[in-house]
C-alpha atoms as a PDB file:
ATOM      1  CA  MET A   1      12.290 128.636  26.093  1.00  0.00           C
ATOM      2  CA  TYR A   2      15.095 130.123  27.991  1.00  0.00           C
ATOM      3  CA  ASN A   3      16.300 126.826  29.056  1.00  0.00           C
ATOM      4  CA  ARG A   4      16.130 125.346  25.567  1.00  0.00           C
ATOM      5  CA  LEU A   5      18.426 128.288  24.344  1.00  0.00           C
ATOM      6  CA  MET A   6      20.861 127.872  27.191  1.00  0.00           C
ATOM      7  CA  ASN A   7      21.222 124.166  26.398  1.00  0.00           C
ATOM      8  CA  ARG A   8      21.910 124.912  22.722  1.00  0.00           C
ATOM      9  CA  LEU A   9      24.598 127.366  23.503  1.00  0.00           C
ATOM     10  CA  LYS A  10      25.976 125.142  26.159  1.00  0.00           C
ATOM     11  CA  LYS A  11      26.518 122.325  23.490  1.00  0.00           C
ATOM     12  CA  ARG A  12      28.041 124.762  20.927  1.00  0.00           C
ATOM     13  CA  VAL A  13      30.409 125.997  23.708  1.00  0.00           C
ATOM     14  CA  ILE A  14      31.573 122.457  24.401  1.00  0.00           C
ATOM     15  CA  THR A  15      31.791 121.541  20.610  1.00  0.00           C
ATOM     16  CA  TYR A  16      33.964 124.378  19.828  1.00  0.00           C
ATOM     17  CA  GLY A  17      36.019 123.875  23.123  1.00  0.00           C
ATOM     18  CA  ILE A  18      36.774 120.319  22.200  1.00  0.00           C
ATOM     19  CA  PHE A  19      37.628 121.327  18.445  1.00  0.00           C
ATOM     20  CA  PHE A  20      39.800 124.149  19.306  1.00  0.00           C
ATOM     21  CA  SER A  21      41.682 121.923  22.115  1.00  0.00           C
ATOM     22  CA  PHE A  22      42.242 119.292  19.803  1.00  0.00           C
ATOM     23  CA  ILE A  23      43.927 121.811  17.289  1.00  0.00           C
ATOM     24  CA  PHE A  24      45.959 123.178  20.046  1.00  0.00           C
ATOM     25  CA  ILE A  25      47.266 119.877  21.232  1.00  0.00           C
ATOM     26  CA  LEU A  26      48.101 118.979  17.730  1.00  0.00           C
ATOM     27  CA  SER A  27      50.167 122.059  17.126  1.00  0.00           C
ATOM     28  CA  ILE A  28      51.999 121.581  20.229  1.00  0.00           C
ATOM     29  CA  LEU A  29      53.066 117.828  19.460  1.00  0.00           C
ATOM     30  CA  SER A  30      53.863 118.733  16.073  1.00  0.00           C
ATOM     31  CA  LYS A  31      56.546 121.270  17.196  1.00  0.00           C
ATOM     32  CA  TYR A  32      58.381 118.370  19.124  1.00  0.00           C
ATOM     33  CA  ASN A  33      58.098 115.899  16.234  1.00  0.00           C
ATOM     34  CA  VAL A  34      55.687 113.473  17.632  1.00  0.00           C
ATOM     35  CA  PRO A  35      55.557 110.443  15.111  1.00  0.00           C
ATOM     36  CA  TYR A  36      52.566 110.769  12.897  1.00  0.00           C
ATOM     37  CA  VAL A  37      51.073 113.937  14.464  1.00  0.00           C
ATOM     38  CA  LYS A  38      53.066 116.277  12.120  1.00  0.00           C
ATOM     39  CA  ASP A  39      51.556 114.413   9.045  1.00  0.00           C
ATOM     40  CA  LEU A  40      47.993 114.572  10.491  1.00  0.00           C
ATOM     41  CA  PHE A  41      48.406 118.292  11.311  1.00  0.00           C
ATOM     42  CA  ILE A  42      49.763 119.180   7.756  1.00  0.00           C
ATOM     43  CA  SER A  43      46.775 117.399   6.232  1.00  0.00           C
ATOM     44  CA  ILE A  44      43.971 119.214   8.063  1.00  0.00           C
ATOM     45  CA  SER A  45      45.819 122.535   7.598  1.00  0.00           C
ATOM     46  CA  PRO A  46      44.397 124.678   4.780  1.00  0.00           C
ATOM     47  CA  THR A  47      47.185 127.206   4.732  1.00  0.00           C
ATOM     48  CA  VAL A  48      49.898 124.792   3.662  1.00  0.00           C
ATOM     49  CA  PRO A  49      51.095 126.343   0.388  1.00  0.00           C
ATOM     50  CA  VAL A  50      51.438 124.318  -2.949  1.00  0.00           C
ATOM     51  CA  ASN A  51      55.070 123.942  -2.754  1.00  0.00           C
ATOM     52  CA  THR A  52      57.339 120.993  -3.508  1.00  0.00           C
ATOM     53  CA  HIS A  53      60.005 122.120  -0.988  1.00  0.00           C
ATOM     54  CA  GLN A  54      57.797 121.671   1.907  1.00  0.00           C
ATOM     55  CA  VAL A  55      54.377 120.032   0.889  1.00  0.00           C
ATOM     56  CA  LEU A  56      55.176 116.522   2.618  1.00  0.00           C
ATOM     57  CA  SER A  57      56.295 115.724   5.925  1.00  0.00           C
ATOM     58  CA  ALA A  58      59.507 113.481   6.544  1.00  0.00           C
ATOM     59  CA  SER A  59      57.822 111.579   9.055  1.00  0.00           C
ATOM     60  CA  SER A  60      55.909 109.283   6.726  1.00  0.00           C
ATOM     61  CA  VAL A  61      55.603 105.643   7.755  1.00  0.00           C
ATOM     62  CA  ASN A  62      56.388 104.135   4.733  1.00  0.00           C
ATOM     63  CA  ARG A  63      59.667 105.548   3.542  1.00  0.00           C
ATOM     64  CA  GLU A  64      62.950 103.892   3.430  1.00  0.00           C
ATOM     65  CA  LEU A  65      66.496 105.104   3.203  1.00  0.00           C
ATOM     66  CA  ALA A  66      68.494 104.323   0.262  1.00  0.00           C
ATOM     67  CA  HIS A  67      71.750 105.817  -1.171  1.00  0.00           C
ATOM     68  CA  VAL A  68      72.080 106.633  -4.906  1.00  0.00           C
ATOM     69  CA  LYS A  69      75.058 105.288  -6.755  1.00  0.00           C
ATOM     70  CA  ARG A  70      74.167 106.980 -10.053  1.00  0.00           C
ATOM     71  CA  VAL A  71      71.651 108.746 -11.961  1.00  0.00           C
ATOM     72  CA  ILE A  72      70.529 107.022 -15.228  1.00  0.00           C
ATOM     73  CA  ASP A  73      68.190 109.679 -16.773  1.00  0.00           C
ATOM     74  CA  GLY A  74      65.662 112.046 -15.734  1.00  0.00           C
ATOM     75  CA  ASP A  75      63.320 109.709 -14.092  1.00  0.00           C
ATOM     76  CA  THR A  76      65.466 106.718 -13.148  1.00  0.00           C
ATOM     77  CA  ILE A  77      68.332 106.072 -10.709  1.00  0.00           C
ATOM     78  CA  GLU A  78      70.595 103.089  -9.440  1.00  0.00           C
ATOM     79  CA  LEU A  79      70.971 102.400  -5.822  1.00  0.00           C
ATOM     80  CA  ASP A  80      73.954 101.286  -4.017  1.00  0.00           C
ATOM     81  CA  ASN A  81      72.668  97.637  -3.912  1.00  0.00           C
ATOM     82  CA  GLY A  82      72.187  97.717  -7.661  1.00  0.00           C
ATOM     83  CA  GLU A  83      68.541  98.026  -7.571  1.00  0.00           C
ATOM     84  CA  LYS A  84      67.161 100.671 -10.329  1.00  0.00           C
ATOM     85  CA  VAL A  85      64.546 103.072  -9.260  1.00  0.00           C
ATOM     86  CA  ARG A  86      61.905 104.563 -11.578  1.00  0.00           C
ATOM     87  CA  TYR A  87      60.095 107.571 -10.332  1.00  0.00           C
ATOM     88  CA  ILE A  88      56.348 107.441  -9.986  1.00  0.00           C
ATOM     89  CA  GLY A  89      53.896 110.030 -11.417  1.00  0.00           C
ATOM     90  CA  MET A  90      56.005 111.679 -14.117  1.00  0.00           C
ATOM     91  CA  ASN A  91      58.086 111.068 -17.203  1.00  0.00           C
ATOM     92  CA  ALA A  92      61.212 112.851 -18.120  1.00  0.00           C
ATOM     93  CA  PRO A  93      62.443 113.034 -21.951  1.00  0.00           C
ATOM     94  CA  GLU A  94      64.721 110.299 -22.893  1.00  0.00           C
ATOM     95  CA  ILE A  95      68.549 110.624 -23.476  1.00  0.00           C
ATOM     96  CA  GLN A  96      70.215 108.845 -26.042  1.00  0.00           C
ATOM     97  CA  HIS A  97      70.331 104.989 -25.835  1.00  0.00           C
ATOM     98  CA  GLY A  98      72.068 102.970 -28.602  1.00  0.00           C
ATOM     99  CA  LYS A  99      70.473 104.024 -31.877  1.00  0.00           C
ATOM    100  CA  ASN A 100      67.709 105.914 -30.243  1.00  0.00           C
ATOM    101  CA  LYS A 101      68.386 109.671 -30.419  1.00  0.00           C
ATOM    102  CA  ALA A 102      68.020 111.916 -27.111  1.00  0.00           C
ATOM    103  CA  GLU A 103      64.731 113.712 -26.869  1.00  0.00           C
ATOM    104  CA  CYS A 104      64.411 117.341 -26.164  1.00  0.00           C
ATOM    105  CA  TYR A 105      65.588 118.375 -22.920  1.00  0.00           C
ATOM    106  CA  GLY A 106      66.427 114.824 -22.127  1.00  0.00           C
ATOM    107  CA  ASN A 107      70.007 115.784 -21.154  1.00  0.00           C
ATOM    108  CA  GLU A 108      68.979 118.756 -19.275  1.00  0.00           C
ATOM    109  CA  ALA A 109      66.644 116.515 -17.215  1.00  0.00           C
ATOM    110  CA  THR A 110      69.229 114.012 -16.528  1.00  0.00           C
ATOM    111  CA  GLN A 111      71.876 116.673 -15.424  1.00  0.00           C
ATOM    112  CA  LYS A 112      69.293 118.350 -12.930  1.00  0.00           C
ATOM    113  CA  ASN A 113      68.425 114.823 -11.670  1.00  0.00           C
ATOM    114  CA  LYS A 114      72.277 114.186 -11.034  1.00  0.00           C
ATOM    115  CA  GLU A 115      72.705 117.603  -9.253  1.00  0.00           C
ATOM    116  CA  LEU A 116      69.536 116.631  -6.954  1.00  0.00           C
ATOM    117  CA  VAL A 117      70.206 113.301  -5.868  1.00  0.00           C
ATOM    118  CA  GLU A 118      73.462 111.580  -7.136  1.00  0.00           C
ATOM    119  CA  GLY A 119      75.609 110.292  -4.330  1.00  0.00           C
ATOM    120  CA  LYS A 120      73.151 111.228  -1.806  1.00  0.00           C
ATOM    121  CA  THR A 121      70.921 109.547   0.730  1.00  0.00           C
ATOM    122  CA  ILE A 122      67.293 109.629  -0.081  1.00  0.00           C
ATOM    123  CA  LYS A 123      63.975 108.552   1.195  1.00  0.00           C
ATOM    124  CA  MET A 124      61.788 106.395  -0.737  1.00  0.00           C
ATOM    125  CA  GLU A 125      57.840 105.672  -0.579  1.00  0.00           C
ATOM    126  CA  LYS A 126      55.909 102.938  -2.206  1.00  0.00           C
ATOM    127  CA  ASP A 127      52.581 103.374  -3.806  1.00  0.00           C
ATOM    128  CA  ILE A 128      50.595 100.269  -4.887  1.00  0.00           C
ATOM    129  CA  SER A 129      52.967  98.479  -7.475  1.00  0.00           C
ATOM    130  CA  GLU A 130      56.323  97.266  -6.144  1.00  0.00           C
ATOM    131  CA  ARG A 131      58.240  96.892  -9.857  1.00  0.00           C
ATOM    132  CA  ASP A 132      57.560  97.923 -13.495  1.00  0.00           C
ATOM    133  CA  LYS A 133      57.741  95.464 -16.220  1.00  0.00           C
ATOM    134  CA  PHE A 134      61.606  96.117 -16.423  1.00  0.00           C
ATOM    135  CA  GLY A 135      61.990  95.108 -12.797  1.00  0.00           C
ATOM    136  CA  ARG A 136      62.681  98.501 -11.677  1.00  0.00           C
ATOM    137  CA  LEU A 137      61.509  99.487  -8.196  1.00  0.00           C
ATOM    138  CA  LEU A 138      58.533 102.041  -8.666  1.00  0.00           C
ATOM    139  CA  ARG A 139      59.052 104.633  -5.927  1.00  0.00           C
ATOM    140  CA  TYR A 140      58.220 108.392  -4.884  1.00  0.00           C
ATOM    141  CA  VAL A 141      61.835 109.915  -4.072  1.00  0.00           C
ATOM    142  CA  TYR A 142      62.491 112.429  -1.228  1.00  0.00           C
ATOM    143  CA  LEU A 143      65.657 114.512  -0.610  1.00  0.00           C
ATOM    144  CA  PRO A 144      65.937 115.099   3.172  1.00  0.00           C
ATOM    145  CA  ASN A 145      66.738 118.855   4.107  1.00  0.00           C
ATOM    146  CA  ASP A 146      69.654 118.890   6.577  1.00  0.00           C
ATOM    147  CA  ALA A 147      68.654 122.401   7.649  1.00  0.00           C
ATOM    148  CA  SER A 148      64.927 121.093   8.509  1.00  0.00           C
ATOM    149  CA  PRO A 149      64.604 117.651   9.466  1.00  0.00           C
ATOM    150  CA  SER A 150      60.701 118.027   9.377  1.00  0.00           C
ATOM    151  CA  SER A 151      60.681 118.738   5.542  1.00  0.00           C
ATOM    152  CA  VAL A 152      61.951 117.258   2.438  1.00  0.00           C
ATOM    153  CA  LEU A 153      62.267 117.858  -1.338  1.00  0.00           C
ATOM    154  CA  PHE A 154      59.686 115.855  -3.238  1.00  0.00           C
ATOM    155  CA  ILE A 155      62.011 114.946  -6.307  1.00  0.00           C
ATOM    156  CA  ASN A 156      59.030 113.352  -8.513  1.00  0.00           C
ATOM    157  CA  ALA A 157      57.184 116.825  -8.317  1.00  0.00           C
ATOM    158  CA  TYR A 158      60.044 119.149  -8.284  1.00  0.00           C
ATOM    159  CA  LEU A 159      61.376 117.884 -11.753  1.00  0.00           C
ATOM    160  CA  VAL A 160      57.777 118.441 -13.012  1.00  0.00           C
ATOM    161  CA  GLU A 161      57.299 121.732 -11.423  1.00  0.00           C
ATOM    162  CA  GLN A 162      60.686 123.113 -12.757  1.00  0.00           C
ATOM    163  CA  GLY A 163      59.868 121.982 -16.409  1.00  0.00           C
ATOM    164  CA  TYR A 164      62.234 118.994 -16.580  1.00  0.00           C
ATOM    165  CA  ALA A 165      59.459 116.315 -16.889  1.00  0.00           C
ATOM    166  CA  ARG A 166      55.836 115.955 -17.549  1.00  0.00           C
ATOM    167  CA  ALA A 167      53.111 114.568 -15.019  1.00  0.00           C
ATOM    168  CA  LYS A 168      52.191 110.947 -16.124  1.00  0.00           C
ATOM    169  CA  ALA A 169      49.946 108.644 -14.445  1.00  0.00           C
ATOM    170  CA  PHE A 170      50.616 104.724 -14.231  1.00  0.00           C
ATOM    171  CA  LYS A 171      47.888 102.811 -12.988  1.00  0.00           C
ATOM    172  CA  PRO A 172      47.360 101.829  -9.988  1.00  0.00           C
ATOM    173  CA  ASP A 173      49.930 104.282  -8.577  1.00  0.00           C
ATOM    174  CA  LEU A 174      47.856 107.433  -8.497  1.00  0.00           C
ATOM    175  CA  THR A 175      48.177 108.634  -4.811  1.00  0.00           C
ATOM    176  CA  TYR A 176      50.223 111.946  -5.564  1.00  0.00           C
ATOM    177  CA  ILE A 177      49.086 112.368  -9.181  1.00  0.00           C
ATOM    178  CA  PRO A 178      46.614 115.231  -8.590  1.00  0.00           C
ATOM    179  CA  TYR A 179      49.532 117.155  -6.783  1.00  0.00           C
ATOM    180  CA  ILE A 180      52.051 116.443  -9.622  1.00  0.00           C
ATOM    181  CA  LYS A 181      49.768 117.676 -12.164  1.00  0.00           C
ATOM    182  CA  SER A 182      49.133 120.720 -10.308  1.00  0.00           C
ATOM    183  CA  VAL A 183      52.804 121.691 -10.236  1.00  0.00           C
ATOM    184  CA  GLU A 184      53.002 120.720 -14.119  1.00  0.00           C
ATOM    185  CA  THR A 185      50.468 123.506 -14.597  1.00  0.00           C
ATOM    186  CA  ILE A 186      52.660 126.055 -12.521  1.00  0.00           C
ATOM    187  CA  ALA A 187      55.493 124.990 -15.063  1.00  0.00           C
ATOM    188  CA  LYS A 188      53.224 125.488 -18.097  1.00  0.00           C
ATOM    189  CA  GLU A 189      52.211 128.884 -17.079  1.00  0.00           C
ATOM    190  CA  LYS A 190      55.819 130.079 -16.320  1.00  0.00           C
ATOM    191  CA  ASN A 191      56.785 128.536 -19.860  1.00  0.00           C
ATOM    192  CA  ILE A 192      59.962 127.012 -18.270  1.00  0.00           C
ATOM    193  CA  GLY A 193      61.887 123.996 -19.249  1.00  0.00           C
ATOM    194  CA  LEU A 194      60.720 121.843 -21.879  1.00  0.00           C
ATOM    195  CA  TRP A 195      57.605 123.818 -22.227  1.00  0.00           C
ATOM    196  CA  SER A 196      59.799 126.567 -23.382  1.00  0.00           C
ATOM    197  CA  ASN A 197      62.450 124.746 -25.350  1.00  0.00           C
ATOM    198  CA  CYS A 198      60.680 122.085 -27.045  1.00  0.00           C
ATOM    199  CA  THR A 199      58.296 122.701 -29.938  1.00  0.00           C
ATOM    200  CA  SER A 200      56.292 119.455 -29.645  1.00  0.00           C
ATOM    201  CA  ASN A 201      54.885 119.874 -26.117  1.00  0.00           C
END
């Protein structure tokens, strides 16, 4: 009986020792920006706050650098190479196009998008689809933080969180939809942006 108890105790000590050693090694490596480790450490940490400023690490494998030539509206930009990029997972109110009148908060959303990314270098991440039916690239867009290279501003979610756009799922590109919908709830609760200024929400 005594031997069985000792064997169980040894197994538990070994198991916990391995687990905490693994966590310790990850935390050390993440401080030195070892590729991919920081993403893994963030994903297993339950204490990362729901905040578009720091929710995602800047070291993701599938992100490409690009420079924004101009902002077209609240959810679309044009790059230096002429490619147009449509933000995934959200939908901003439209601005005036020809005979079509601007939608409520469309001009404000466009202006905010300009403040955030126009003339700046961004990182872009593809989901499943490459382009939409209009030939625009479909991407998640991030603005690097010069003061903190390990963090980025997730533009798609930030515009939703601040009330400049609504969360909107476009299948099959659904990777960050749960997160974007969660920050939309924050904007609704705060009654900010289009949720406060537009009657047909």
